[in-house]
């Protein structure tokens, strides 16, 4: 892969690792401290700003890779209709490799952009989840300390927080499943090409 696609691949790996850390079953105190630090740290804010700029360039690479994939498909159709370009096994293999590289670049850049959106959404959901859990614990404690008639409003607020907590948890699980399915699809495409050619694809040059 060229240097920019290699950097994109490492960025995608970093996103997967970050996603794994965010969804790891950490104790509540550790998770709360981690997310408070991530949301208030000046260093993290600078890194996030640099990543936003990087994602702009990755978006440009995605558009370019998509155009190349369409152009490769059009060349294949022209070659088949004209009876040229697929005369021997070597030419056919080269064309298949070219097509795979174009598709790989589209999926690589596309998954990187998709994971960036997933990470942003997961981070916001977990922050809301932590705040909701803290508010729920506080109200539950207040309800236990003031367990007497006339606290219907407080009980209703606790029930509302329970519903909100369940909704946030469901959104979090949905995003986690979407990210896992996208990563599995990328792995499947790479494995199919490796099986068809008998050689790994990541070490080859574009």
Protein backbone atom coordinates (compact mmCIF):
# COMPACT_ATOMS: atom_id res chain seq x y z
CA UNK A 1 0.00 0.00 0.00
CA UNK A 2 1.08 3.57 -0.56
CA UNK A 3 2.02 5.67 2.46
CA UNK A 4 -1.33 7.44 2.80
CA UNK A 5 -3.32 4.21 2.64
CA UNK A 6 -0.90 2.64 5.14
CA UNK A 7 -1.47 5.57 7.52
CA UNK A 8 -5.21 5.20 6.97
CA UNK A 9 -4.96 1.51 7.85
CA UNK A 10 -3.08 2.28 11.09
CA UNK A 11 -5.66 4.95 11.93
CA UNK A 12 -8.43 2.40 11.43
CA UNK A 13 -6.61 -0.05 13.73
CA UNK A 14 -6.27 2.72 16.32
CA UNK A 15 -10.01 3.40 16.02
CA UNK A 16 -10.78 -0.30 16.56
CA UNK A 17 -8.52 -0.39 19.64
CA UNK A 18 -10.10 2.81 20.98
CA UNK A 19 -13.55 1.39 20.37
CA UNK A 20 -12.58 -1.74 22.30
CA UNK A 21 -11.39 0.38 25.23
CA UNK A 22 -14.59 2.45 25.23
CA UNK A 23 -16.89 -0.58 25.26
CA UNK A 24 -14.78 -2.64 27.69
CA UNK A 25 -16.64 -3.62 30.88
CA UNK A 26 -14.67 -1.29 33.15
CA UNK A 27 -15.73 -0.52 36.73
CA UNK A 28 -17.97 2.52 36.97
CA UNK A 29 -15.45 4.66 38.85
CA UNK A 30 -12.65 3.92 36.36
CA UNK A 31 -14.92 4.56 33.37
CA UNK A 32 -16.21 7.78 34.88
CA UNK A 33 -12.68 9.06 35.57
CA UNK A 34 -11.51 8.05 32.08
CA UNK A 35 -14.35 9.81 30.30
CA UNK A 36 -14.07 12.89 32.48
CA UNK A 37 -10.40 13.11 31.53
CA UNK A 38 -11.12 12.56 27.84
CA UNK A 39 -13.80 15.25 27.82
CA UNK A 40 -11.75 17.87 29.70
CA UNK A 41 -8.11 17.23 28.72
CA UNK A 42 -6.50 19.91 26.53
CA UNK A 43 -4.15 17.33 24.99
CA UNK A 44 -7.06 15.14 23.92
CA UNK A 45 -8.78 18.21 22.45
CA UNK A 46 -5.71 18.98 20.31
CA UNK A 47 -5.49 15.36 19.14
CA UNK A 48 -9.19 15.39 18.26
CA UNK A 49 -8.69 18.60 16.25
CA UNK A 50 -5.83 17.01 14.30
CA UNK A 51 -7.93 13.89 13.64
CA UNK A 52 -10.77 16.02 12.27
CA UNK A 53 -8.35 17.44 9.70
CA UNK A 54 -7.09 13.93 8.91
CA UNK A 55 -10.64 12.72 8.31
CA UNK A 56 -11.12 15.47 5.74
CA UNK A 57 -8.20 14.07 3.75
CA UNK A 58 -9.49 10.53 4.24
CA UNK A 59 -12.82 11.67 2.83
CA UNK A 60 -11.00 12.93 -0.26
CA UNK A 61 -9.19 9.58 -0.53
CA UNK A 62 -12.54 7.80 -0.25
CA UNK A 63 -13.98 9.78 -3.16
CA UNK A 64 -10.84 9.14 -5.22
CA UNK A 65 -10.88 5.41 -4.42
CA UNK A 66 -14.56 5.21 -5.34
CA UNK A 67 -13.87 6.84 -8.71
CA UNK A 68 -10.97 4.45 -9.35
CA UNK A 69 -13.15 1.46 -8.54
CA UNK A 70 -15.82 2.64 -10.97
CA UNK A 71 -13.18 3.30 -13.63
CA UNK A 72 -11.71 -0.18 -13.13
CA UNK A 73 -15.14 -1.76 -13.49
CA UNK A 74 -15.76 0.23 -16.68
CA UNK A 75 -12.40 -0.87 -18.13
CA UNK A 76 -13.26 -4.47 -17.36
CA UNK A 77 -16.57 -4.18 -19.18
CA UNK A 78 -14.86 -2.61 -22.20
CA UNK A 79 -12.20 -5.33 -22.25
CA UNK A 80 -14.80 -8.09 -22.08
CA UNK A 81 -16.96 -6.57 -24.80
CA UNK A 82 -13.95 -5.96 -27.07
CA UNK A 83 -12.30 -9.29 -26.41
CA UNK A 84 -9.07 -7.59 -25.32
CA UNK A 85 -7.15 -7.42 -22.06
CA UNK A 86 -8.18 -10.86 -20.78
CA UNK A 87 -6.33 -13.10 -23.24
CA UNK A 88 -4.18 -14.97 -20.71
CA UNK A 89 -4.14 -15.91 -17.04
CA UNK A 90 -1.50 -13.33 -16.12
CA UNK A 91 -3.48 -10.44 -17.61
CA UNK A 92 -6.64 -11.68 -15.95
CA UNK A 93 -4.85 -11.98 -12.60
CA UNK A 94 -3.43 -8.46 -12.91
CA UNK A 95 -6.87 -7.10 -13.69
CA UNK A 96 -8.38 -8.97 -10.72
CA UNK A 97 -5.64 -7.59 -8.45
CA UNK A 98 -6.24 -4.05 -9.73
CA UNK A 99 -9.94 -4.45 -9.07
CA UNK A 100 -9.27 -5.78 -5.58
CA UNK A 101 -6.92 -2.90 -4.71
CA UNK A 102 -9.57 -0.41 -5.81
CA UNK A 103 -12.24 -2.15 -3.72
CA UNK A 104 -9.84 -2.50 -0.77
CA UNK A 105 -9.09 1.23 -0.79
CA UNK A 106 -12.80 2.06 -0.88
CA UNK A 107 -13.55 -0.23 2.06
CA UNK A 108 -10.46 0.91 3.98
CA UNK A 109 -11.26 4.61 3.75
CA UNK A 110 -14.99 4.01 4.11
CA UNK A 111 -14.61 1.91 7.26
CA UNK A 112 -12.23 4.50 8.74
CA UNK A 113 -14.77 7.27 8.21
CA UNK A 114 -17.61 5.09 9.48
CA UNK A 115 -15.69 4.15 12.64
CA UNK A 116 -14.96 7.81 13.31
CA UNK A 117 -18.70 8.49 13.35
CA UNK A 118 -19.32 5.42 15.51
CA UNK A 119 -16.65 6.44 18.02
CA UNK A 120 -18.06 9.96 18.27
CA UNK A 121 -21.58 8.66 18.83
CA UNK A 122 -20.46 5.99 21.32
CA UNK A 123 -18.47 8.57 23.28
CA UNK A 124 -21.52 10.86 23.56
CA UNK A 125 -23.81 7.97 24.51
CA UNK A 126 -21.45 6.73 27.23
CA UNK A 127 -21.09 10.25 28.65
CA UNK A 128 -24.88 10.54 28.80
CA UNK A 129 -25.03 7.07 30.31
CA UNK A 130 -22.56 8.00 33.06
CA UNK A 131 -24.46 11.21 33.84
CA UNK A 132 -27.75 9.33 33.90
CA UNK A 133 -26.33 6.67 36.20
CA UNK A 134 -25.02 9.35 38.56
CA UNK A 135 -28.38 11.16 38.60
CA UNK A 136 -30.22 7.87 39.08
CA UNK A 137 -27.99 6.90 42.02
CA UNK A 138 -28.51 10.31 43.62
CA UNK A 139 -32.30 10.19 43.26
CA UNK A 140 -32.40 6.60 44.47
CA UNK A 141 -30.49 7.60 47.57
CA UNK A 142 -32.80 10.56 48.14
CA UNK A 143 -35.81 8.31 47.73
CA UNK A 144 -34.39 5.85 50.25
CA UNK A 145 -33.69 8.64 52.74
CA UNK A 146 -37.13 10.18 52.26
CA UNK A 147 -39.25 7.06 51.91
CA UNK A 148 -42.53 8.53 53.07
CA UNK A 149 -45.84 9.65 51.48
CA UNK A 150 -45.70 12.71 49.29
CA UNK A 151 -42.69 11.69 47.19
CA UNK A 152 -44.60 10.75 44.05
CA UNK A 153 -42.76 13.36 41.96
CA UNK A 154 -39.39 11.96 43.03
CA UNK A 155 -40.50 8.40 42.29
CA UNK A 156 -41.69 9.45 38.83
CA UNK A 157 -38.32 11.12 38.14
CA UNK A 158 -36.52 7.92 39.12
CA UNK A 159 -38.71 5.91 36.73
CA UNK A 160 -38.00 8.38 33.92
CA UNK A 161 -34.28 8.02 34.52
CA UNK A 162 -34.63 4.23 34.40
CA UNK A 163 -36.26 4.50 30.97
CA UNK A 164 -33.59 6.93 29.74
CA UNK A 165 -30.84 4.62 31.00
CA UNK A 166 -32.37 1.65 29.17
CA UNK A 167 -32.65 3.70 25.94
CA UNK A 168 -29.00 4.80 26.09
CA UNK A 169 -27.89 1.22 26.70
CA UNK A 170 -29.87 0.03 23.67
CA UNK A 171 -28.35 2.73 21.42
CA UNK A 172 -24.89 1.78 22.66
CA UNK A 173 -25.43 -1.93 21.87
CA UNK A 174 -26.78 -1.08 18.39
CA UNK A 175 -23.70 0.98 17.48
CA UNK A 176 -21.40 -1.73 18.83
CA UNK A 177 -23.08 -4.36 16.62
CA UNK A 178 -22.87 -2.11 13.54
CA UNK A 179 -19.14 -1.53 14.04
CA UNK A 180 -18.53 -5.25 14.51
CA UNK A 181 -20.41 -6.14 11.31
CA UNK A 182 -18.45 -3.57 9.27
CA UNK A 183 -15.12 -4.90 10.57
CA UNK A 184 -16.20 -8.47 9.79
CA UNK A 185 -17.11 -7.48 6.22
CA UNK A 186 -13.68 -5.92 5.64
CA UNK A 187 -11.99 -9.05 7.00
CA UNK A 188 -14.15 -11.28 4.79
CA UNK A 189 -13.24 -9.38 1.62
CA UNK A 190 -9.53 -9.57 2.44
CA UNK A 191 -9.76 -13.30 3.16
CA UNK A 192 -11.59 -13.95 -0.12
CA UNK A 193 -8.87 -12.25 -2.11
CA UNK A 194 -6.13 -14.06 -0.20
CA UNK A 195 -7.80 -17.40 -0.91
CA UNK A 196 -8.21 -16.60 -4.61
CA UNK A 197 -4.60 -15.51 -5.11
CA UNK A 198 -2.87 -17.68 -2.53
CA UNK A 199 -0.84 -14.72 -1.21
CA UNK A 200 -1.37 -11.98 1.41
CA UNK A 201 -2.45 -8.61 0.04
CA UNK A 202 -1.26 -6.11 2.66
CA UNK A 203 2.38 -6.45 1.77
CA UNK A 204 1.87 -5.67 -1.93
CA UNK A 205 2.30 -2.27 -3.50
CA UNK A 206 -0.46 -0.40 -5.28
